[in-house]
Amino acid sequence: MQHPPQRPLRTRSGRHYPQTTAPHTVWLFDLDNTLHNASHGIFQAIDRSMTEAVAEFVRVDMDEANALRQKYWKRYGATMIGLHRHHGVDAQAFLHRSHNFDLQPLLSAEDDIIHQLNRLPGRKIVLTNAPEHYARDVLQLLGMQSLFDEIWAIEHMQLQGRFRPKPSLALMQQLQARFAVPAEQFVLVEDTLRNLKSAKQLGMQTVHIFNPGTPHSALHRGRNSYVDLRTHSIRDLAQRHRKLKLVEYSSR
């Protein structure tokens, strides 16, 4: 599996975390509808831009492109994977074309999200099935880029020549190996239940950010056995995070 480029692992407070055995919680944050409200307009822009990209790369009309986009997303967790496997589409080129739109007027996040994220002890990683350039742009425009040690985007989710995005168990296992901490020291924060389910299978802790704009979210209003904490915002998570079994960093 490819790994994101490394940089000094530093929190906003200035403390450094070793990459191997330090006792600390590793927070894995999804991006869309978790750290910002993609239902505000970004999902619609992505759907439109991605459908146009499918039409261009596969040379079909917009109706067929839209059908292919949804078919491959449901089957593989990412439209790009289906296009790459079945149509020979260049993954990098498609990712850039499909997320090529003006983000600024569409972005919407909690007013005090930076303060609330800083209340959560441990290292913070963005784990998203979106492309890296899109994730970086979102974090930068929201002023949150310094809060996260790394971004794991879909480009990094490759194993033995195949893409393994969320909810892949192989991806979760690679993450555990990469950060060299027990599974129970991870907390995956997500709006998509199927991704939380695979993390729980490995023993990770799970937080469901319920967002009514998430596809199929209306079907899952109840508490699931693989969800440790269900919340509606990062602020609420910051207020209730002690209900989880967190391991805080110690220099001893």
C-alpha atoms as a PDB file:
ATOM      1  CA  MET A   1       0.000   0.000   0.000  1.00  0.00           C
ATOM      2  CA  GLN A   2       1.246   3.463  -0.843  1.00  0.00           C
ATOM      3  CA  HIS A   3       1.705   5.810   2.090  1.00  0.00           C
ATOM      4  CA  PRO A   4       1.155   9.557   2.191  1.00  0.00           C
ATOM      5  CA  PRO A   5       4.254  11.778   2.165  1.00  0.00           C
ATOM      6  CA  GLN A   6       5.697  12.021   5.654  1.00  0.00           C
ATOM      7  CA  ARG A   7       6.214  15.249   7.577  1.00  0.00           C
ATOM      8  CA  PRO A   8       6.999  15.978  11.242  1.00  0.00           C
ATOM      9  CA  LEU A   9       4.220  14.549  13.364  1.00  0.00           C
ATOM     10  CA  ARG A  10       3.164  17.527  15.444  1.00  0.00           C
ATOM     11  CA  THR A  11      -0.046  18.540  17.108  1.00  0.00           C
ATOM     12  CA  ARG A  12      -1.278  22.105  17.348  1.00  0.00           C
ATOM     13  CA  SER A  13       0.018  22.175  20.916  1.00  0.00           C
ATOM     14  CA  GLY A  14       3.542  21.543  19.659  1.00  0.00           C
ATOM     15  CA  ARG A  15       3.973  18.088  21.192  1.00  0.00           C
ATOM     16  CA  HIS A  16       5.652  15.440  19.057  1.00  0.00           C
ATOM     17  CA  TYR A  17       4.386  11.877  18.837  1.00  0.00           C
ATOM     18  CA  PRO A  18       6.691   8.973  18.006  1.00  0.00           C
ATOM     19  CA  GLN A  19       5.578   6.796  15.094  1.00  0.00           C
ATOM     20  CA  THR A  20       5.754   3.483  16.927  1.00  0.00           C
ATOM     21  CA  THR A  21       4.960   2.640  20.530  1.00  0.00           C
ATOM     22  CA  ALA A  22       3.808   5.877  22.237  1.00  0.00           C
ATOM     23  CA  PRO A  23       0.545   5.343  24.155  1.00  0.00           C
ATOM     24  CA  HIS A  24      -1.956   7.619  22.477  1.00  0.00           C
ATOM     25  CA  THR A  25      -5.251   7.550  20.669  1.00  0.00           C
ATOM     26  CA  VAL A  26      -5.219   7.803  16.874  1.00  0.00           C
ATOM     27  CA  TRP A  27      -8.318   9.553  15.536  1.00  0.00           C
ATOM     28  CA  LEU A  28      -9.294   8.653  11.968  1.00  0.00           C
ATOM     29  CA  PHE A  29     -11.621  11.309  10.604  1.00  0.00           C
ATOM     30  CA  ASP A  30     -13.673  10.951   7.488  1.00  0.00           C
ATOM     31  CA  LEU A  31     -13.971  14.204   5.516  1.00  0.00           C
ATOM     32  CA  ASP A  32     -17.301  14.744   3.745  1.00  0.00           C
ATOM     33  CA  ASN A  33     -20.291  15.071   6.079  1.00  0.00           C
ATOM     34  CA  THR A  34     -17.958  14.541   9.026  1.00  0.00           C
ATOM     35  CA  LEU A  35     -15.538  17.472   9.141  1.00  0.00           C
ATOM     36  CA  HIS A  36     -17.752  19.618   6.925  1.00  0.00           C
ATOM     37  CA  ASN A  37     -21.283  19.540   5.560  1.00  0.00           C
ATOM     38  CA  ALA A  38     -20.922  18.224   2.024  1.00  0.00           C
ATOM     39  CA  SER A  39     -24.705  18.112   1.656  1.00  0.00           C
ATOM     40  CA  HIS A  40     -24.681  21.915   1.614  1.00  0.00           C
ATOM     41  CA  GLY A  41     -23.784  21.779  -2.090  1.00  0.00           C
ATOM     42  CA  ILE A  42     -20.540  19.883  -2.497  1.00  0.00           C
ATOM     43  CA  PHE A  43     -22.105  16.462  -3.037  1.00  0.00           C
ATOM     44  CA  GLN A  44     -24.197  17.900  -5.839  1.00  0.00           C
ATOM     45  CA  ALA A  45     -21.122  19.512  -7.396  1.00  0.00           C
ATOM     46  CA  ILE A  46     -19.153  16.257  -7.108  1.00  0.00           C
ATOM     47  CA  ASP A  47     -21.990  14.230  -8.641  1.00  0.00           C
ATOM     48  CA  ARG A  48     -22.276  16.657 -11.539  1.00  0.00           C
ATOM     49  CA  SER A  49     -18.524  16.929 -12.121  1.00  0.00           C
ATOM     50  CA  MET A  50     -18.019  13.178 -11.795  1.00  0.00           C
ATOM     51  CA  THR A  51     -20.849  12.363 -14.205  1.00  0.00           C
ATOM     52  CA  GLU A  52     -19.317  14.760 -16.725  1.00  0.00           C
ATOM     53  CA  ALA A  53     -15.926  13.101 -16.228  1.00  0.00           C
ATOM     54  CA  VAL A  54     -17.390   9.608 -16.745  1.00  0.00           C
ATOM     55  CA  ALA A  55     -19.057  10.798 -19.956  1.00  0.00           C
ATOM     56  CA  GLU A  56     -15.764  12.248 -21.209  1.00  0.00           C
ATOM     57  CA  PHE A  57     -13.502   9.339 -20.278  1.00  0.00           C
ATOM     58  CA  VAL A  58     -15.836   6.504 -21.337  1.00  0.00           C
ATOM     59  CA  ARG A  59     -17.475   8.446 -24.185  1.00  0.00           C
ATOM     60  CA  VAL A  60     -21.105   7.861 -23.252  1.00  0.00           C
ATOM     61  CA  ASP A  61     -24.039  10.222 -22.846  1.00  0.00           C
ATOM     62  CA  MET A  62     -24.869  11.837 -19.514  1.00  0.00           C
ATOM     63  CA  ASP A  63     -27.640   9.394 -18.601  1.00  0.00           C
ATOM     64  CA  GLU A  64     -25.395   6.365 -19.060  1.00  0.00           C
ATOM     65  CA  ALA A  65     -22.541   8.161 -17.325  1.00  0.00           C
ATOM     66  CA  ASN A  66     -24.746   8.822 -14.313  1.00  0.00           C
ATOM     67  CA  ALA A  67     -25.809   5.164 -14.199  1.00  0.00           C
ATOM     68  CA  LEU A  68     -22.176   4.010 -14.357  1.00  0.00           C
ATOM     69  CA  ARG A  69     -21.165   6.483 -11.651  1.00  0.00           C
ATOM     70  CA  GLN A  70     -23.745   5.126  -9.226  1.00  0.00           C
ATOM     71  CA  LYS A  71     -23.183   1.487 -10.178  1.00  0.00           C
ATOM     72  CA  TYR A  72     -19.442   1.583  -9.533  1.00  0.00           C
ATOM     73  CA  TRP A  73     -19.787   3.647  -6.364  1.00  0.00           C
ATOM     74  CA  LYS A  74     -22.169   1.071  -4.869  1.00  0.00           C
ATOM     75  CA  ARG A  75     -20.030  -1.876  -5.978  1.00  0.00           C
ATOM     76  CA  TYR A  76     -16.526  -0.633  -5.193  1.00  0.00           C
ATOM     77  CA  GLY A  77     -16.959   2.305  -2.832  1.00  0.00           C
ATOM     78  CA  ALA A  78     -15.513   4.634  -5.474  1.00  0.00           C
ATOM     79  CA  THR A  79     -16.584   5.277  -9.076  1.00  0.00           C
ATOM     80  CA  MET A  80     -12.957   5.609 -10.120  1.00  0.00           C
ATOM     81  CA  ILE A  81     -12.209   1.975  -9.259  1.00  0.00           C
ATOM     82  CA  GLY A  82     -14.889   0.642 -11.590  1.00  0.00           C
ATOM     83  CA  LEU A  83     -13.732   2.905 -14.403  1.00  0.00           C
ATOM     84  CA  HIS A  84     -10.121   1.855 -13.877  1.00  0.00           C
ATOM     85  CA  ARG A  85     -10.918  -1.871 -13.768  1.00  0.00           C
ATOM     86  CA  HIS A  86     -13.503  -2.092 -16.530  1.00  0.00           C
ATOM     87  CA  HIS A  87     -12.622   0.753 -18.868  1.00  0.00           C
ATOM     88  CA  GLY A  88      -8.894   1.289 -18.382  1.00  0.00           C
ATOM     89  CA  VAL A  89      -9.416   4.881 -17.235  1.00  0.00           C
ATOM     90  CA  ASP A  90      -6.350   6.556 -15.730  1.00  0.00           C
ATOM     91  CA  ALA A  91      -7.155   6.892 -12.029  1.00  0.00           C
ATOM     92  CA  GLN A  92      -5.181  10.078 -11.349  1.00  0.00           C
ATOM     93  CA  ALA A  93      -6.558  11.896 -14.365  1.00  0.00           C
ATOM     94  CA  PHE A  94     -10.112  10.955 -13.462  1.00  0.00           C
ATOM     95  CA  LEU A  95      -9.721  12.021  -9.829  1.00  0.00           C
ATOM     96  CA  HIS A  96      -8.524  15.468 -10.851  1.00  0.00           C
ATOM     97  CA  ARG A  97     -11.196  15.949 -13.503  1.00  0.00           C
ATOM     98  CA  SER A  98     -14.039  14.695 -11.307  1.00  0.00           C
ATOM     99  CA  HIS A  99     -13.207  17.068  -8.427  1.00  0.00           C
ATOM    100  CA  ASN A 100     -12.505  20.136 -10.532  1.00  0.00           C
ATOM    101  CA  PHE A 101     -14.896  22.836  -9.284  1.00  0.00           C
ATOM    102  CA  ASP A 102     -14.885  25.903  -7.047  1.00  0.00           C
ATOM    103  CA  LEU A 103     -15.053  24.735  -3.438  1.00  0.00           C
ATOM    104  CA  GLN A 104     -15.065  28.061  -1.628  1.00  0.00           C
ATOM    105  CA  PRO A 105     -18.729  29.095  -2.042  1.00  0.00           C
ATOM    106  CA  LEU A 106     -19.932  25.592  -1.212  1.00  0.00           C
ATOM    107  CA  LEU A 107     -18.037  24.925   2.016  1.00  0.00           C
ATOM    108  CA  SER A 108     -19.955  24.785   5.277  1.00  0.00           C
ATOM    109  CA  ALA A 109     -18.658  23.608   8.665  1.00  0.00           C
ATOM    110  CA  GLU A 110     -19.325  24.096  12.367  1.00  0.00           C
ATOM    111  CA  ASP A 111     -18.340  27.599  13.476  1.00  0.00           C
ATOM    112  CA  ASP A 112     -16.024  26.456  16.271  1.00  0.00           C
ATOM    113  CA  ILE A 113     -14.858  23.168  14.801  1.00  0.00           C
ATOM    114  CA  ILE A 114     -11.132  23.966  15.209  1.00  0.00           C
ATOM    115  CA  HIS A 115     -11.571  24.562  18.934  1.00  0.00           C
ATOM    116  CA  GLN A 116     -13.669  21.416  19.297  1.00  0.00           C
ATOM    117  CA  LEU A 117     -11.143  19.238  17.451  1.00  0.00           C
ATOM    118  CA  ASN A 118      -8.382  20.553  19.702  1.00  0.00           C
ATOM    119  CA  ARG A 119     -10.327  19.234  22.694  1.00  0.00           C
ATOM    120  CA  LEU A 120      -9.847  15.657  21.459  1.00  0.00           C
ATOM    121  CA  PRO A 121      -6.567  14.204  22.817  1.00  0.00           C
ATOM    122  CA  GLY A 122      -4.322  12.217  20.481  1.00  0.00           C
ATOM    123  CA  ARG A 123      -3.142  12.209  16.893  1.00  0.00           C
ATOM    124  CA  LYS A 124      -5.577  13.082  14.126  1.00  0.00           C
ATOM    125  CA  ILE A 125      -5.555  11.612  10.617  1.00  0.00           C
ATOM    126  CA  VAL A 126      -7.935  12.334   7.740  1.00  0.00           C
ATOM    127  CA  LEU A 127      -9.089   9.086   6.130  1.00  0.00           C
ATOM    128  CA  THR A 128     -11.141   9.747   2.999  1.00  0.00           C
ATOM    129  CA  ASN A 129     -12.124   7.987  -0.206  1.00  0.00           C
ATOM    130  CA  ALA A 130     -11.843  11.370  -1.917  1.00  0.00           C
ATOM    131  CA  PRO A 131      -8.690  12.440  -3.802  1.00  0.00           C
ATOM    132  CA  GLU A 132      -5.826  14.044  -1.923  1.00  0.00           C
ATOM    133  CA  HIS A 133      -5.919  17.432  -3.683  1.00  0.00           C
ATOM    134  CA  TYR A 134      -9.598  17.820  -2.817  1.00  0.00           C
ATOM    135  CA  ALA A 135      -9.034  16.873   0.844  1.00  0.00           C
ATOM    136  CA  ARG A 136      -6.136  19.301   1.178  1.00  0.00           C
ATOM    137  CA  ASP A 137      -8.150  22.110  -0.403  1.00  0.00           C
ATOM    138  CA  VAL A 138     -11.077  21.520   1.960  1.00  0.00           C
ATOM    139  CA  LEU A 139      -8.858  21.530   5.054  1.00  0.00           C
ATOM    140  CA  GLN A 140      -6.936  24.592   3.915  1.00  0.00           C
ATOM    141  CA  LEU A 141     -10.038  26.622   3.086  1.00  0.00           C
ATOM    142  CA  LEU A 142     -11.508  25.760   6.490  1.00  0.00           C
ATOM    143  CA  GLY A 143      -8.219  26.553   8.266  1.00  0.00           C
ATOM    144  CA  MET A 144      -7.917  23.039   9.687  1.00  0.00           C
ATOM    145  CA  GLN A 145      -4.832  21.713   7.887  1.00  0.00           C
ATOM    146  CA  SER A 146      -2.501  22.135  10.885  1.00  0.00           C
ATOM    147  CA  LEU A 147      -4.727  19.960  13.086  1.00  0.00           C
ATOM    148  CA  PHE A 148      -4.013  16.759  11.151  1.00  0.00           C
ATOM    149  CA  ASP A 149      -0.776  14.819  10.976  1.00  0.00           C
ATOM    150  CA  GLU A 150      -1.551  13.104   7.680  1.00  0.00           C
ATOM    151  CA  ILE A 151      -4.137  12.695   4.961  1.00  0.00           C
ATOM    152  CA  TRP A 152      -4.890   9.191   3.732  1.00  0.00           C
ATOM    153  CA  ALA A 153      -6.762   9.708   0.467  1.00  0.00           C
ATOM    154  CA  ILE A 154      -7.878   7.179  -2.106  1.00  0.00           C
ATOM    155  CA  GLU A 155      -4.552   7.443  -3.968  1.00  0.00           C
ATOM    156  CA  HIS A 156      -2.830   5.901  -0.930  1.00  0.00           C
ATOM    157  CA  MET A 157      -5.307   3.044  -0.559  1.00  0.00           C
ATOM    158  CA  GLN A 158      -3.585   0.516  -2.815  1.00  0.00           C
ATOM    159  CA  LEU A 159      -2.542  -3.020  -1.975  1.00  0.00           C
ATOM    160  CA  GLN A 160      -0.981  -5.472  -4.436  1.00  0.00           C
ATOM    161  CA  GLY A 161      -1.844  -3.217  -7.346  1.00  0.00           C
ATOM    162  CA  ARG A 162      -5.520  -2.787  -6.460  1.00  0.00           C
ATOM    163  CA  PHE A 163      -7.336   0.052  -4.778  1.00  0.00           C
ATOM    164  CA  ARG A 164      -8.703  -0.828  -1.331  1.00  0.00           C
ATOM    165  CA  PRO A 165     -10.775   2.140  -0.105  1.00  0.00           C
ATOM    166  CA  LYS A 166     -13.070   2.168   2.894  1.00  0.00           C
ATOM    167  CA  PRO A 167     -14.688  -0.099   4.051  1.00  0.00           C
ATOM    168  CA  SER A 168     -11.824  -2.477   3.159  1.00  0.00           C
ATOM    169  CA  LEU A 169     -10.566  -4.581   6.069  1.00  0.00           C
ATOM    170  CA  ALA A 170      -7.170  -4.702   4.357  1.00  0.00           C
ATOM    171  CA  LEU A 171      -7.018  -0.900   4.511  1.00  0.00           C
ATOM    172  CA  MET A 172      -7.796  -0.883   8.221  1.00  0.00           C
ATOM    173  CA  GLN A 173      -5.132  -3.529   8.833  1.00  0.00           C
ATOM    174  CA  GLN A 174      -2.562  -1.486   6.905  1.00  0.00           C
ATOM    175  CA  LEU A 175      -3.414   1.565   8.987  1.00  0.00           C
ATOM    176  CA  GLN A 176      -2.894  -0.395  12.168  1.00  0.00           C
ATOM    177  CA  ALA A 177       0.464  -1.655  10.913  1.00  0.00           C
ATOM    178  CA  ARG A 178       1.498   1.816   9.768  1.00  0.00           C
ATOM    179  CA  PHE A 179       0.903   3.465  13.139  1.00  0.00           C
ATOM    180  CA  ALA A 180       1.946   0.443  15.188  1.00  0.00           C
ATOM    181  CA  VAL A 181      -0.634   0.758  17.940  1.00  0.00           C
ATOM    182  CA  PRO A 182      -3.296  -1.718  19.074  1.00  0.00           C
ATOM    183  CA  ALA A 183      -6.607  -1.579  17.228  1.00  0.00           C
ATOM    184  CA  GLU A 184      -8.471  -0.380  20.334  1.00  0.00           C
ATOM    185  CA  GLN A 185      -6.379   2.824  20.336  1.00  0.00           C
ATOM    186  CA  PHE A 186      -7.934   3.900  17.023  1.00  0.00           C
ATOM    187  CA  VAL A 187     -11.189   5.834  16.835  1.00  0.00           C
ATOM    188  CA  LEU A 188     -12.848   6.026  13.426  1.00  0.00           C
ATOM    189  CA  VAL A 189     -15.226   8.992  13.111  1.00  0.00           C
ATOM    190  CA  GLU A 190     -17.568   8.550  10.156  1.00  0.00           C
ATOM    191  CA  ASP A 191     -20.971   9.341   8.710  1.00  0.00           C
ATOM    192  CA  THR A 192     -21.055   6.077   6.725  1.00  0.00           C
ATOM    193  CA  LEU A 193     -22.046   3.038   8.764  1.00  0.00           C
ATOM    194  CA  ARG A 194     -20.536   0.340   6.535  1.00  0.00           C
ATOM    195  CA  ASN A 195     -17.096   1.894   7.069  1.00  0.00           C
ATOM    196  CA  LEU A 196     -17.556   1.804  10.841  1.00  0.00           C
ATOM    197  CA  LYS A 197     -18.569  -1.838  10.696  1.00  0.00           C
ATOM    198  CA  SER A 198     -15.264  -2.969   9.173  1.00  0.00           C
ATOM    199  CA  ALA A 199     -13.263  -0.910  11.685  1.00  0.00           C
ATOM    200  CA  LYS A 200     -15.160  -2.502  14.566  1.00  0.00           C
ATOM    201  CA  GLN A 201     -14.398  -5.966  13.176  1.00  0.00           C
ATOM    202  CA  LEU A 202     -10.717  -5.254  13.856  1.00  0.00           C
ATOM    203  CA  GLY A 203     -11.422  -3.935  17.349  1.00  0.00           C
ATOM    204  CA  MET A 204     -11.255  -0.203  16.612  1.00  0.00           C
ATOM    205  CA  GLN A 205     -13.559   2.206  18.420  1.00  0.00           C
ATOM    206  CA  THR A 206     -16.231   3.826  16.291  1.00  0.00           C
ATOM    207  CA  VAL A 207     -18.130   7.115  16.270  1.00  0.00           C
ATOM    208  CA  HIS A 208     -21.095   7.639  13.966  1.00  0.00           C
ATOM    209  CA  ILE A 209     -21.627  11.250  12.932  1.00  0.00           C
ATOM    210  CA  PHE A 210     -25.271  11.153  11.906  1.00  0.00           C
ATOM    211  CA  ASN A 211     -25.894  13.439   8.938  1.00  0.00           C
ATOM    212  CA  PRO A 212     -29.295  13.233   7.220  1.00  0.00           C
ATOM    213  CA  GLY A 213     -27.657  14.200   3.933  1.00  0.00           C
ATOM    214  CA  THR A 214     -25.500  11.080   3.838  1.00  0.00           C
ATOM    215  CA  PRO A 215     -26.767   8.573   1.240  1.00  0.00           C
ATOM    216  CA  HIS A 216     -28.947   5.888   2.862  1.00  0.00           C
ATOM    217  CA  SER A 217     -28.595   7.499   6.317  1.00  0.00           C
ATOM    218  CA  ALA A 218     -32.372   7.573   6.789  1.00  0.00           C
ATOM    219  CA  LEU A 219     -32.303   3.766   6.854  1.00  0.00           C
ATOM    220  CA  HIS A 220     -30.053   3.679   9.924  1.00  0.00           C
ATOM    221  CA  ARG A 221     -31.533   5.874  12.635  1.00  0.00           C
ATOM    222  CA  GLY A 222     -31.148   3.263  15.360  1.00  0.00           C
ATOM    223  CA  ARG A 223     -28.083   2.300  17.377  1.00  0.00           C
ATOM    224  CA  ASN A 224     -25.892  -0.331  15.735  1.00  0.00           C
ATOM    225  CA  SER A 225     -23.869  -2.857  17.701  1.00  0.00           C
ATOM    226  CA  TYR A 226     -20.686  -1.762  15.949  1.00  0.00           C
ATOM    227  CA  VAL A 227     -21.145   1.922  16.888  1.00  0.00           C
ATOM    228  CA  ASP A 228     -19.584   2.931  20.225  1.00  0.00           C
ATOM    229  CA  LEU A 229     -20.821   6.501  20.168  1.00  0.00           C
ATOM    230  CA  ARG A 230     -23.451   8.155  17.997  1.00  0.00           C
ATOM    231  CA  THR A 231     -23.418  11.924  17.685  1.00  0.00           C
ATOM    232  CA  HIS A 232     -24.587  14.730  15.416  1.00  0.00           C
ATOM    233  CA  SER A 233     -21.574  17.061  15.435  1.00  0.00           C
ATOM    234  CA  ILE A 234     -17.895  17.466  16.285  1.00  0.00           C
ATOM    235  CA  ARG A 235     -18.925  19.776  19.133  1.00  0.00           C
ATOM    236  CA  ASP A 236     -21.071  17.016  20.619  1.00  0.00           C
ATOM    237  CA  LEU A 237     -18.224  14.519  20.147  1.00  0.00           C
ATOM    238  CA  ALA A 238     -15.826  16.844  21.978  1.00  0.00           C
ATOM    239  CA  GLN A 239     -18.278  17.096  24.865  1.00  0.00           C
ATOM    240  CA  ARG A 240     -18.879  13.345  25.074  1.00  0.00           C
ATOM    241  CA  HIS A 241     -15.536  11.856  24.016  1.00  0.00           C
ATOM    242  CA  ARG A 242     -14.811  10.600  27.542  1.00  0.00           C
ATOM    243  CA  LYS A 243     -17.418   7.918  26.960  1.00  0.00           C
ATOM    244  CA  LEU A 244     -14.799   6.303  24.707  1.00  0.00           C
ATOM    245  CA  LYS A 245     -11.744   4.441  26.008  1.00  0.00           C
ATOM    246  CA  LEU A 246      -9.041   6.909  25.056  1.00  0.00           C
ATOM    247  CA  VAL A 247      -5.312   6.577  25.661  1.00  0.00           C
ATOM    248  CA  GLU A 248      -3.712   9.960  26.186  1.00  0.00           C
ATOM    249  CA  TYR A 249      -0.080  10.660  25.326  1.00  0.00           C
ATOM    250  CA  SER A 250       2.429  10.403  28.102  1.00  0.00           C
ATOM    251  CA  SER A 251       6.113  11.324  27.928  1.00  0.00           C
ATOM    252  CA  ARG A 252       6.988   8.864  30.696  1.00  0.00           C
END
